[in-house]
Amino acid sequence: MRGVIDGWESRGLDIMPWVITSLRHIACEREGGFPGTQSALREAVDQRDERVGTLKYYEVMPGTQRYFCGRCSATVFLAADEDEEVVKVAVGLLGSPDGAMARSIISWDIKTDTQVEHSPRAEGDCAEGD
């Protein structure tokens, strides 16, 4: 798996760390296993299938769904219709004995400041301490 960082205003965060993975790599101990495609995942959520627990979703833009915990609202997945088997998983939800970056299960591609594209929002908020 490879880690990715991006920011979306809807979460109130300037940076959101994601790991991009195939749904088939997500394990579920419940009978039937976790849905292996986005359409199967949406169907399971719509039908309140016990395999997906309290998972809910909404469309953040045409063709892109944000999945979240129906109890605490924690962001879980971000899914785009263009790739039926792939989702972005919120890194903060991964259980890892080696900390929040989950280095034992994620290979991070860390970029230097010269490799990062700066948005006006990031430059104004982060660089100036706003």
N, C-alpha and C. Protein backbone atom coordinates (compact mmCIF):
# COMPACT_ATOMS: atom_id res chain seq x y z
N MET A 1 0.85 -1.18 0.00
CA MET A 1 0.00 0.00 0.00
C MET A 1 0.89 1.24 0.00
N ARG A 2 0.40 2.31 -0.58
CA ARG A 2 1.15 3.55 -0.62
C ARG A 2 0.32 4.66 0.01
N GLY A 3 0.94 5.48 0.85
CA GLY A 3 0.26 6.57 1.52
C GLY A 3 0.17 7.81 0.65
N VAL A 4 -0.91 8.54 0.79
CA VAL A 4 -1.15 9.77 0.03
C VAL A 4 -1.73 10.79 1.00
N ILE A 5 -1.40 12.05 0.80
CA ILE A 5 -1.96 13.10 1.64
C ILE A 5 -2.71 14.08 0.75
N ASP A 6 -3.93 14.44 1.16
CA ASP A 6 -4.66 15.48 0.44
C ASP A 6 -5.56 16.21 1.43
N GLY A 7 -6.06 17.35 1.05
CA GLY A 7 -6.91 18.13 1.94
C GLY A 7 -8.26 18.41 1.32
N TRP A 8 -9.34 18.27 2.10
CA TRP A 8 -10.69 18.57 1.66
C TRP A 8 -11.33 19.45 2.71
N GLU A 9 -11.90 20.54 2.29
CA GLU A 9 -12.50 21.49 3.21
C GLU A 9 -13.62 20.89 4.05
N SER A 10 -14.31 19.88 3.55
CA SER A 10 -15.47 19.32 4.26
C SER A 10 -15.09 18.67 5.58
N ARG A 11 -13.84 18.30 5.74
CA ARG A 11 -13.41 17.66 6.98
C ARG A 11 -12.85 18.66 7.96
N GLY A 12 -12.64 19.89 7.55
CA GLY A 12 -12.07 20.88 8.44
C GLY A 12 -10.58 20.70 8.66
N LEU A 13 -9.92 19.95 7.79
CA LEU A 13 -8.49 19.70 7.91
C LEU A 13 -7.77 20.26 6.69
N ASP A 14 -6.57 20.77 6.91
CA ASP A 14 -5.77 21.21 5.77
C ASP A 14 -5.11 20.02 5.09
N ILE A 15 -4.82 18.97 5.85
CA ILE A 15 -4.17 17.78 5.30
C ILE A 15 -4.92 16.55 5.78
N MET A 16 -5.19 15.62 4.87
CA MET A 16 -5.84 14.36 5.22
C MET A 16 -5.00 13.22 4.68
N PRO A 17 -4.40 12.40 5.54
CA PRO A 17 -3.61 11.27 5.04
C PRO A 17 -4.49 10.09 4.66
N TRP A 18 -4.28 9.57 3.45
CA TRP A 18 -5.03 8.43 2.92
C TRP A 18 -4.05 7.34 2.53
N VAL A 19 -4.51 6.12 2.51
CA VAL A 19 -3.78 5.04 1.88
C VAL A 19 -4.70 4.49 0.79
N ILE A 20 -4.16 4.34 -0.41
CA ILE A 20 -4.94 3.85 -1.54
C ILE A 20 -4.78 2.34 -1.61
N THR A 21 -5.90 1.62 -1.63
CA THR A 21 -5.84 0.16 -1.65
C THR A 21 -7.05 -0.43 -2.36
N SER A 22 -6.93 -1.68 -2.70
CA SER A 22 -8.04 -2.42 -3.30
C SER A 22 -8.99 -2.86 -2.18
N LEU A 23 -10.28 -2.84 -2.45
CA LEU A 23 -11.25 -3.31 -1.46
C LEU A 23 -11.01 -4.77 -1.07
N ARG A 24 -10.41 -5.55 -1.94
CA ARG A 24 -10.17 -6.96 -1.61
C ARG A 24 -9.10 -7.13 -0.53
N HIS A 25 -8.35 -6.05 -0.23
CA HIS A 25 -7.35 -6.11 0.84
C HIS A 25 -7.93 -5.71 2.20
N ILE A 26 -9.20 -5.38 2.24
CA ILE A 26 -9.84 -5.00 3.50
C ILE A 26 -10.53 -6.23 4.07
N ALA A 27 -10.13 -6.60 5.27
CA ALA A 27 -10.63 -7.83 5.89
C ALA A 27 -11.83 -7.53 6.79
N CYS A 28 -12.71 -8.51 6.87
CA CYS A 28 -13.89 -8.44 7.72
C CYS A 28 -14.07 -9.82 8.35
N GLU A 29 -14.20 -9.87 9.66
CA GLU A 29 -14.33 -11.15 10.34
C GLU A 29 -15.75 -11.71 10.28
N ARG A 30 -16.69 -10.92 9.83
CA ARG A 30 -18.07 -11.39 9.76
C ARG A 30 -18.28 -12.31 8.56
N GLU A 31 -19.26 -13.17 8.67
CA GLU A 31 -19.56 -14.13 7.60
C GLU A 31 -19.84 -13.40 6.29
N GLY A 32 -19.26 -13.88 5.23
CA GLY A 32 -19.46 -13.27 3.91
C GLY A 32 -18.34 -12.33 3.52
N GLY A 33 -17.52 -11.91 4.46
CA GLY A 33 -16.41 -11.01 4.17
C GLY A 33 -16.85 -9.61 3.77
N PHE A 34 -15.88 -8.74 3.56
CA PHE A 34 -16.15 -7.35 3.20
C PHE A 34 -16.42 -7.26 1.70
N PRO A 35 -17.33 -6.38 1.27
CA PRO A 35 -17.61 -6.22 -0.17
C PRO A 35 -16.33 -5.91 -0.95
N GLY A 36 -16.18 -6.52 -2.12
CA GLY A 36 -14.96 -6.38 -2.91
C GLY A 36 -15.00 -5.34 -4.00
N THR A 37 -16.16 -4.71 -4.21
CA THR A 37 -16.27 -3.64 -5.21
C THR A 37 -17.05 -2.48 -4.60
N GLN A 38 -16.92 -1.31 -5.21
CA GLN A 38 -17.64 -0.15 -4.70
C GLN A 38 -19.15 -0.32 -4.84
N SER A 39 -19.61 -0.90 -5.93
CA SER A 39 -21.06 -1.09 -6.08
C SER A 39 -21.58 -2.06 -5.02
N ALA A 40 -20.82 -3.12 -4.72
CA ALA A 40 -21.22 -4.06 -3.66
C ALA A 40 -21.18 -3.38 -2.30
N LEU A 41 -20.20 -2.48 -2.09
CA LEU A 41 -20.10 -1.74 -0.84
C LEU A 41 -21.30 -0.81 -0.66
N ARG A 42 -21.63 -0.04 -1.72
CA ARG A 42 -22.80 0.86 -1.64
C ARG A 42 -24.07 0.07 -1.36
N GLU A 43 -24.24 -1.06 -2.04
CA GLU A 43 -25.42 -1.90 -1.83
C GLU A 43 -25.48 -2.41 -0.39
N ALA A 44 -24.34 -2.84 0.15
CA ALA A 44 -24.30 -3.33 1.53
C ALA A 44 -24.66 -2.23 2.52
N VAL A 45 -24.15 -1.02 2.28
CA VAL A 45 -24.48 0.11 3.16
C VAL A 45 -25.96 0.46 3.04
N ASP A 46 -26.47 0.54 1.81
CA ASP A 46 -27.89 0.86 1.60
C ASP A 46 -28.81 -0.15 2.26
N GLN A 47 -28.40 -1.42 2.27
CA GLN A 47 -29.23 -2.48 2.86
C GLN A 47 -28.92 -2.71 4.34
N ARG A 48 -28.03 -1.89 4.90
CA ARG A 48 -27.62 -2.00 6.31
C ARG A 48 -27.10 -3.39 6.65
N ASP A 49 -26.33 -3.94 5.73
CA ASP A 49 -25.71 -5.25 5.89
C ASP A 49 -24.79 -5.21 7.12
N GLU A 50 -24.89 -6.22 7.98
CA GLU A 50 -24.09 -6.23 9.21
C GLU A 50 -22.59 -6.30 8.95
N ARG A 51 -22.18 -6.73 7.76
CA ARG A 51 -20.75 -6.77 7.44
C ARG A 51 -20.11 -5.39 7.43
N VAL A 52 -20.88 -4.34 7.20
CA VAL A 52 -20.32 -2.99 7.13
C VAL A 52 -20.64 -2.16 8.38
N GLY A 53 -21.23 -2.79 9.38
CA GLY A 53 -21.49 -2.11 10.65
C GLY A 53 -22.30 -0.84 10.49
N THR A 54 -21.80 0.26 11.04
CA THR A 54 -22.53 1.54 11.01
C THR A 54 -22.10 2.43 9.84
N LEU A 55 -21.40 1.86 8.88
CA LEU A 55 -20.90 2.63 7.74
C LEU A 55 -22.04 3.28 6.96
N LYS A 56 -21.85 4.56 6.61
CA LYS A 56 -22.79 5.32 5.80
C LYS A 56 -21.97 6.07 4.75
N TYR A 57 -22.64 6.64 3.76
CA TYR A 57 -21.92 7.41 2.74
C TYR A 57 -22.80 8.52 2.19
N TYR A 58 -22.14 9.48 1.56
CA TYR A 58 -22.84 10.49 0.77
C TYR A 58 -21.94 10.87 -0.41
N GLU A 59 -22.55 11.45 -1.43
CA GLU A 59 -21.81 11.84 -2.62
C GLU A 59 -21.25 13.25 -2.41
N VAL A 60 -19.91 13.36 -2.37
CA VAL A 60 -19.28 14.67 -2.15
C VAL A 60 -19.21 15.48 -3.44
N MET A 61 -19.21 14.79 -4.56
CA MET A 61 -19.27 15.39 -5.89
C MET A 61 -19.70 14.26 -6.82
N PRO A 62 -20.19 14.57 -7.99
CA PRO A 62 -20.62 13.49 -8.88
C PRO A 62 -19.53 12.43 -9.07
N GLY A 63 -19.86 11.19 -8.77
CA GLY A 63 -18.93 10.08 -8.95
C GLY A 63 -17.96 9.83 -7.81
N THR A 64 -18.09 10.57 -6.71
CA THR A 64 -17.19 10.39 -5.57
C THR A 64 -18.00 10.32 -4.28
N GLN A 65 -17.79 9.25 -3.50
CA GLN A 65 -18.52 9.06 -2.25
C GLN A 65 -17.56 9.10 -1.06
N ARG A 66 -18.02 9.71 0.01
CA ARG A 66 -17.30 9.71 1.29
C ARG A 66 -18.04 8.75 2.21
N TYR A 67 -17.34 7.74 2.70
CA TYR A 67 -17.90 6.78 3.65
C TYR A 67 -17.46 7.19 5.05
N PHE A 68 -18.36 7.09 6.00
CA PHE A 68 -18.06 7.53 7.36
C PHE A 68 -18.80 6.67 8.38
N CYS A 69 -18.36 6.73 9.62
CA CYS A 69 -19.00 6.00 10.70
C CYS A 69 -20.32 6.69 11.04
N GLY A 70 -21.41 5.93 11.06
CA GLY A 70 -22.72 6.48 11.38
C GLY A 70 -22.87 6.87 12.84
N ARG A 71 -21.96 6.42 13.70
CA ARG A 71 -22.00 6.77 15.12
C ARG A 71 -21.20 8.03 15.44
N CYS A 72 -19.93 8.03 15.02
CA CYS A 72 -19.04 9.13 15.42
C CYS A 72 -18.68 10.07 14.27
N SER A 73 -19.08 9.76 13.06
CA SER A 73 -18.82 10.55 11.84
C SER A 73 -17.38 10.52 11.35
N ALA A 74 -16.55 9.64 11.90
CA ALA A 74 -15.16 9.54 11.43
C ALA A 74 -15.14 9.16 9.95
N THR A 75 -14.32 9.85 9.17
CA THR A 75 -14.15 9.51 7.76
C THR A 75 -13.44 8.17 7.67
N VAL A 76 -13.97 7.26 6.84
CA VAL A 76 -13.41 5.92 6.69
C VAL A 76 -12.80 5.73 5.31
N PHE A 77 -13.60 5.94 4.25
CA PHE A 77 -13.15 5.75 2.87
C PHE A 77 -13.52 6.95 2.03
N LEU A 78 -12.80 7.10 0.94
CA LEU A 78 -13.19 7.98 -0.15
C LEU A 78 -13.13 7.12 -1.39
N ALA A 79 -14.21 7.08 -2.16
CA ALA A 79 -14.30 6.19 -3.32
C ALA A 79 -14.71 6.99 -4.55
N ALA A 80 -14.04 6.72 -5.67
CA ALA A 80 -14.37 7.36 -6.94
C ALA A 80 -14.85 6.29 -7.91
N ASP A 81 -15.96 6.55 -8.58
CA ASP A 81 -16.57 5.58 -9.49
C ASP A 81 -15.63 5.10 -10.60
N GLU A 82 -14.64 5.91 -10.95
CA GLU A 82 -13.77 5.54 -12.08
C GLU A 82 -12.95 4.28 -11.83
N ASP A 83 -12.76 3.88 -10.57
CA ASP A 83 -12.04 2.63 -10.27
C ASP A 83 -12.84 1.83 -9.26
N GLU A 84 -13.61 0.89 -9.73
CA GLU A 84 -14.60 0.13 -8.97
C GLU A 84 -14.01 -0.66 -7.79
N GLU A 85 -12.74 -1.02 -7.86
CA GLU A 85 -12.17 -1.87 -6.81
C GLU A 85 -11.25 -1.14 -5.84
N VAL A 86 -11.02 0.16 -6.05
CA VAL A 86 -10.05 0.90 -5.24
C VAL A 86 -10.73 1.96 -4.39
N VAL A 87 -10.25 2.13 -3.16
CA VAL A 87 -10.71 3.19 -2.27
C VAL A 87 -9.51 3.83 -1.59
N LYS A 88 -9.72 5.04 -1.08
CA LYS A 88 -8.75 5.68 -0.20
C LYS A 88 -9.25 5.42 1.22
N VAL A 89 -8.38 4.92 2.08
CA VAL A 89 -8.73 4.63 3.47
C VAL A 89 -8.07 5.69 4.35
N ALA A 90 -8.82 6.25 5.29
CA ALA A 90 -8.27 7.23 6.23
C ALA A 90 -7.22 6.55 7.11
N VAL A 91 -5.98 7.01 7.02
CA VAL A 91 -4.87 6.38 7.73
C VAL A 91 -5.08 6.40 9.24
N GLY A 92 -5.71 7.43 9.77
CA GLY A 92 -5.92 7.53 11.21
C GLY A 92 -6.76 6.41 11.79
N LEU A 93 -7.48 5.68 10.97
CA LEU A 93 -8.30 4.57 11.46
C LEU A 93 -7.59 3.23 11.43
N LEU A 94 -6.40 3.17 10.85
CA LEU A 94 -5.68 1.90 10.77
C LEU A 94 -5.10 1.54 12.13
N GLY A 95 -5.28 0.29 12.52
CA GLY A 95 -4.68 -0.18 13.77
C GLY A 95 -3.27 -0.66 13.49
N SER A 96 -2.28 0.03 14.04
CA SER A 96 -0.89 -0.34 13.80
C SER A 96 -0.10 -0.15 15.09
N PRO A 97 0.70 -1.14 15.46
CA PRO A 97 1.49 -1.02 16.70
C PRO A 97 2.59 0.03 16.62
N ASP A 98 2.93 0.49 15.41
CA ASP A 98 4.04 1.43 15.28
C ASP A 98 3.60 2.87 15.07
N GLY A 99 2.39 3.22 15.48
CA GLY A 99 1.98 4.62 15.47
C GLY A 99 1.07 5.03 14.33
N ALA A 100 0.79 6.33 14.30
CA ALA A 100 -0.21 6.89 13.40
C ALA A 100 0.14 6.75 11.92
N MET A 101 1.42 6.70 11.58
CA MET A 101 1.78 6.56 10.16
C MET A 101 1.76 5.11 9.71
N ALA A 102 1.56 4.18 10.63
CA ALA A 102 1.42 2.75 10.31
C ALA A 102 2.52 2.28 9.35
N ARG A 103 3.76 2.62 9.68
CA ARG A 103 4.89 2.32 8.79
C ARG A 103 5.09 0.83 8.51
N SER A 104 4.60 -0.04 9.39
CA SER A 104 4.78 -1.48 9.15
C SER A 104 3.86 -2.00 8.05
N ILE A 105 2.81 -1.23 7.70
CA ILE A 105 1.90 -1.68 6.66
C ILE A 105 1.78 -0.71 5.49
N ILE A 106 2.35 0.50 5.61
CA ILE A 106 2.26 1.50 4.55
C ILE A 106 3.66 1.95 4.15
N SER A 107 3.91 2.02 2.86
CA SER A 107 5.15 2.58 2.32
C SER A 107 4.86 4.04 1.97
N TRP A 108 5.47 4.97 2.69
CA TRP A 108 5.22 6.39 2.46
C TRP A 108 6.18 6.96 1.43
N ASP A 109 5.64 7.77 0.51
CA ASP A 109 6.44 8.49 -0.47
C ASP A 109 6.54 9.93 0.02
N ILE A 110 7.56 10.21 0.83
CA ILE A 110 7.72 11.53 1.43
C ILE A 110 8.41 12.45 0.42
N LYS A 111 7.81 13.60 0.17
CA LYS A 111 8.34 14.55 -0.80
C LYS A 111 9.01 15.71 -0.07
N THR A 112 10.06 16.25 -0.69
CA THR A 112 10.70 17.44 -0.13
C THR A 112 9.86 18.65 -0.50
N ASP A 113 10.14 19.77 0.13
CA ASP A 113 9.37 20.99 -0.12
C ASP A 113 9.40 21.40 -1.60
N THR A 114 10.48 21.11 -2.30
CA THR A 114 10.57 21.49 -3.71
C THR A 114 9.72 20.60 -4.61
N GLN A 115 9.27 19.43 -4.10
CA GLN A 115 8.46 18.51 -4.89
C GLN A 115 6.96 18.70 -4.66
N VAL A 116 6.59 19.49 -3.68
CA VAL A 116 5.19 19.64 -3.31
C VAL A 116 4.58 20.83 -4.02
N GLU A 117 3.39 20.64 -4.58
CA GLU A 117 2.66 21.75 -5.17
C GLU A 117 1.97 22.51 -4.05
N HIS A 118 2.10 23.82 -4.04
CA HIS A 118 1.49 24.64 -2.99
C HIS A 118 0.21 25.28 -3.50
N SER A 119 -0.84 25.13 -2.73
CA SER A 119 -2.09 25.81 -3.07
C SER A 119 -2.10 27.15 -2.33
N PRO A 120 -2.83 28.14 -2.83
CA PRO A 120 -2.91 29.42 -2.13
C PRO A 120 -3.42 29.26 -0.70
N ARG A 121 -4.37 28.35 -0.47
CA ARG A 121 -4.90 28.14 0.88
C ARG A 121 -3.81 27.60 1.79
N ALA A 122 -3.07 26.61 1.33
CA ALA A 122 -2.01 26.02 2.16
C ALA A 122 -0.92 27.04 2.44
N GLU A 123 -0.54 27.81 1.43
CA GLU A 123 0.51 28.80 1.64
C GLU A 123 0.06 29.87 2.63
N GLY A 124 -1.18 30.32 2.53
CA GLY A 124 -1.66 31.35 3.44
C GLY A 124 -1.86 30.84 4.85
N ASP A 125 -2.46 29.67 5.00
CA ASP A 125 -2.77 29.15 6.33
C ASP A 125 -1.55 28.59 7.04
N CYS A 126 -0.80 27.75 6.34
CA CYS A 126 0.30 27.04 6.99
C CYS A 126 1.54 27.90 7.13
N ALA A 127 1.92 28.56 6.05
CA ALA A 127 3.17 29.31 6.06
C ALA A 127 3.09 30.53 6.98
N GLU A 128 1.93 31.15 7.07
CA GLU A 128 1.79 32.35 7.87
C GLU A 128 1.23 32.06 9.26
N GLY A 129 0.92 30.81 9.54
CA GLY A 129 0.42 30.45 10.87
C GLY A 129 -1.00 30.88 11.14
N ASP A 130 -1.80 31.11 10.10
CA ASP A 130 -3.21 31.52 10.28
C ASP A 130 -4.03 30.40 10.86
